[in-house]
Structures are given as structure tokens and as C-alpha cells.
Amino acid sequence: MKILPPEGGWELVMEGLGFTDAACSDGEGNFYFSDLGKAKLYKVGADGKAAVWFEESPKISGMKFGPDGRLYAASQGSVGGPRDEKKTIVAIDPESKR
């Protein structure tokens, strides 16, 4: 996963990911994305450091922060779940991660 720093050019922030998706950012300049197949959400802080932000989540294929501060995400089902599992929209509180 690479992000474009303000001064220009590309900088590698993480390796070893599978299928990344759902890129979005919050009002504080943090960047979020999912590794769809591994059901993990990652956060790249304004300082450029990347880390797992949320684990054992549903498989997320789209995210956006709402005006209420919650992260809304399109779930593609759970890892190992049935193929016909319902797709839903989930809301995650960034503070409690519930």
C-alpha cells in the first residue's frame, strides 16, 4: 500500500497485504483501508505509520466516515462464511470500535 505524501513522490507504508480496498480518510488526516480477504482494517496515521486498526471484522469493500464520526462500511460477509451470506452496512464507532 502506498500513499502520496504532501511533498510529492510515493512512499511504501506496508507490505504483505492481500486484496486491499475501501480507502478513506478521517478529518484528522488518518488514512484507512481494508485487506478484504483477511478481514482486517488498517490505519495509516498522519505520521505515516501503518498498523492494524480493527481485526476480525467482516470483509469490508467500502468505507466512509459519516457526519456523526462513525465509520460506515459495506460488508461482504464474514471470513469463511457461507457464499450466500447477506451483505450489510455496518457502523463502527472509532473510539470503542463497536
C-alpha atoms as a PDB file:
ATOM      1  CA  MET A   1       0.000   0.000   0.000  1.00  0.00           C
ATOM      2  CA  LYS A   2       1.419   3.382  -0.930  1.00  0.00           C
ATOM      3  CA  ILE A   3       0.243   6.879  -0.101  1.00  0.00           C
ATOM      4  CA  LEU A   4       1.265  10.195  -1.621  1.00  0.00           C
ATOM      5  CA  PRO A   5       2.941  12.474   0.949  1.00  0.00           C
ATOM      6  CA  PRO A   6       2.315  16.239   0.744  1.00  0.00           C
ATOM      7  CA  GLU A   7       5.807  16.946  -0.649  1.00  0.00           C
ATOM      8  CA  GLY A   8       5.227  14.565  -3.578  1.00  0.00           C
ATOM      9  CA  GLY A   9       6.535  11.145  -4.541  1.00  0.00           C
ATOM     10  CA  TRP A  10       5.425   7.726  -3.315  1.00  0.00           C
ATOM     11  CA  GLU A  11       6.300   6.129  -0.003  1.00  0.00           C
ATOM     12  CA  LEU A  12       5.807   2.449   0.843  1.00  0.00           C
ATOM     13  CA  VAL A  13       3.977   2.133   4.166  1.00  0.00           C
ATOM     14  CA  MET A  14       3.145  -1.602   4.246  1.00  0.00           C
ATOM     15  CA  GLU A  15       3.950  -4.901   2.549  1.00  0.00           C
ATOM     16  CA  GLY A  16       2.486  -8.408   2.647  1.00  0.00           C
ATOM     17  CA  LEU A  17      -1.137  -7.415   2.115  1.00  0.00           C
ATOM     18  CA  GLY A  18      -3.670  -9.396   0.108  1.00  0.00           C
ATOM     19  CA  PHE A  19      -6.578  -7.624  -1.596  1.00  0.00           C
ATOM     20  CA  THR A  20      -6.707  -4.042  -0.329  1.00  0.00           C
ATOM     21  CA  ASP A  21      -9.874  -1.997  -0.740  1.00  0.00           C
ATOM     22  CA  ALA A  22     -12.131   0.614   0.859  1.00  0.00           C
ATOM     23  CA  ALA A  23      -9.717   3.535   1.099  1.00  0.00           C
ATOM     24  CA  CYS A  24     -10.965   6.548   3.064  1.00  0.00           C
ATOM     25  CA  SER A  25      -9.704   9.173   5.490  1.00  0.00           C
ATOM     26  CA  ASP A  26     -10.952  10.944   8.582  1.00  0.00           C
ATOM     27  CA  GLY A  27     -10.946  14.653   9.410  1.00  0.00           C
ATOM     28  CA  GLU A  28      -7.617  14.339  11.248  1.00  0.00           C
ATOM     29  CA  GLY A  29      -5.666  13.168   8.197  1.00  0.00           C
ATOM     30  CA  ASN A  30      -5.570   9.463   9.057  1.00  0.00           C
ATOM     31  CA  PHE A  31      -5.958   7.040   6.144  1.00  0.00           C
ATOM     32  CA  TYR A  32      -7.911   3.772   6.467  1.00  0.00           C
ATOM     33  CA  PHE A  33      -8.202   0.738   4.203  1.00  0.00           C
ATOM     34  CA  SER A  34      -9.188  -2.910   4.382  1.00  0.00           C
ATOM     35  CA  ASP A  35      -7.457  -6.140   3.477  1.00  0.00           C
ATOM     36  CA  LEU A  36     -10.637  -7.777   2.247  1.00  0.00           C
ATOM     37  CA  GLY A  37      -9.690 -11.454   2.403  1.00  0.00           C
ATOM     38  CA  LYS A  38      -8.048 -11.200   5.818  1.00  0.00           C
ATOM     39  CA  ALA A  39     -10.946  -9.196   7.321  1.00  0.00           C
ATOM     40  CA  LYS A  40      -8.651  -6.546   8.791  1.00  0.00           C
ATOM     41  CA  LEU A  41      -8.888  -2.779   8.725  1.00  0.00           C
ATOM     42  CA  TYR A  42      -5.690  -0.739   8.738  1.00  0.00           C
ATOM     43  CA  LYS A  43      -4.958   2.825   9.722  1.00  0.00           C
ATOM     44  CA  VAL A  44      -2.078   4.945   8.455  1.00  0.00           C
ATOM     45  CA  GLY A  45      -1.623   7.813  10.892  1.00  0.00           C
ATOM     46  CA  ALA A  46      -0.825  11.361   9.869  1.00  0.00           C
ATOM     47  CA  ASP A  47       2.750  10.446  10.898  1.00  0.00           C
ATOM     48  CA  GLY A  48       2.881   7.819   8.099  1.00  0.00           C
ATOM     49  CA  LYS A  49       2.922   4.801  10.441  1.00  0.00           C
ATOM     50  CA  ALA A  50       0.624   1.926   9.445  1.00  0.00           C
ATOM     51  CA  ALA A  51      -0.966  -0.578  11.822  1.00  0.00           C
ATOM     52  CA  VAL A  52      -3.917  -2.948  12.136  1.00  0.00           C
ATOM     53  CA  TRP A  53      -6.802  -0.824  13.411  1.00  0.00           C
ATOM     54  CA  PHE A  54      -9.611  -3.404  13.592  1.00  0.00           C
ATOM     55  CA  GLU A  55      -9.345  -7.194  13.434  1.00  0.00           C
ATOM     56  CA  GLU A  56     -11.819  -9.976  12.856  1.00  0.00           C
ATOM     57  CA  SER A  57     -14.122  -7.572  11.109  1.00  0.00           C
ATOM     58  CA  PRO A  58     -16.432  -8.616   8.344  1.00  0.00           C
ATOM     59  CA  LYS A  59     -14.878  -8.479   4.878  1.00  0.00           C
ATOM     60  CA  ILE A  60     -15.104  -4.754   4.081  1.00  0.00           C
ATOM     61  CA  SER A  61     -15.226  -3.496   0.488  1.00  0.00           C
ATOM     62  CA  GLY A  62     -16.132   0.158   1.011  1.00  0.00           C
ATOM     63  CA  MET A  63     -15.832   2.679   3.859  1.00  0.00           C
ATOM     64  CA  LYS A  64     -16.642   6.309   4.566  1.00  0.00           C
ATOM     65  CA  PHE A  65     -16.835   8.410   7.712  1.00  0.00           C
ATOM     66  CA  GLY A  66     -20.266   9.884   8.370  1.00  0.00           C
ATOM     67  CA  PRO A  67     -21.057  13.325   9.802  1.00  0.00           C
ATOM     68  CA  ASP A  68     -21.654  11.620  13.169  1.00  0.00           C
ATOM     69  CA  GLY A  69     -17.987  10.483  13.240  1.00  0.00           C
ATOM     70  CA  ARG A  70     -18.771   6.789  12.797  1.00  0.00           C
ATOM     71  CA  LEU A  71     -17.127   4.719  10.085  1.00  0.00           C
ATOM     72  CA  TYR A  72     -19.723   3.210   7.752  1.00  0.00           C
ATOM     73  CA  ALA A  73     -18.617   0.142   5.843  1.00  0.00           C
ATOM     74  CA  ALA A  74     -20.046  -2.232   3.240  1.00  0.00           C
ATOM     75  CA  SER A  75     -19.677  -5.788   4.500  1.00  0.00           C
ATOM     76  CA  GLN A  76     -19.195  -8.618   2.027  1.00  0.00           C
ATOM     77  CA  GLY A  77     -19.840 -11.256   4.690  1.00  0.00           C
ATOM     78  CA  SER A  78     -17.512 -12.924   7.153  1.00  0.00           C
ATOM     79  CA  VAL A  79     -14.300 -14.840   6.559  1.00  0.00           C
ATOM     80  CA  GLY A  80     -15.236 -18.473   5.982  1.00  0.00           C
ATOM     81  CA  GLY A  81     -18.944 -17.603   5.954  1.00  0.00           C
ATOM     82  CA  PRO A  82     -21.430 -19.115   3.540  1.00  0.00           C
ATOM     83  CA  ARG A  83     -21.346 -17.848  -0.063  1.00  0.00           C
ATOM     84  CA  ASP A  84     -24.933 -16.641   0.185  1.00  0.00           C
ATOM     85  CA  GLU A  85     -24.305 -14.684   3.398  1.00  0.00           C
ATOM     86  CA  LYS A  86     -26.150 -11.363   3.380  1.00  0.00           C
ATOM     87  CA  LYS A  87     -24.192  -8.235   2.569  1.00  0.00           C
ATOM     88  CA  THR A  88     -24.835  -5.409   5.023  1.00  0.00           C
ATOM     89  CA  ILE A  89     -23.775  -1.919   6.011  1.00  0.00           C
ATOM     90  CA  VAL A  90     -22.058  -1.743   9.390  1.00  0.00           C
ATOM     91  CA  ALA A  91     -21.256   1.316  11.515  1.00  0.00           C
ATOM     92  CA  ILE A  92     -18.122   1.366  13.684  1.00  0.00           C
ATOM     93  CA  ASP A  93     -17.533   3.856  16.489  1.00  0.00           C
ATOM     94  CA  PRO A  94     -13.833   4.832  16.138  1.00  0.00           C
ATOM     95  CA  GLU A  95     -13.345   5.240  19.904  1.00  0.00           C
ATOM     96  CA  SER A  96     -14.871   1.975  21.163  1.00  0.00           C
ATOM     97  CA  LYS A  97     -14.535   0.062  17.852  1.00  0.00           C
ATOM     98  CA  ARG A  98     -18.014  -1.398  18.481  1.00  0.00           C
END
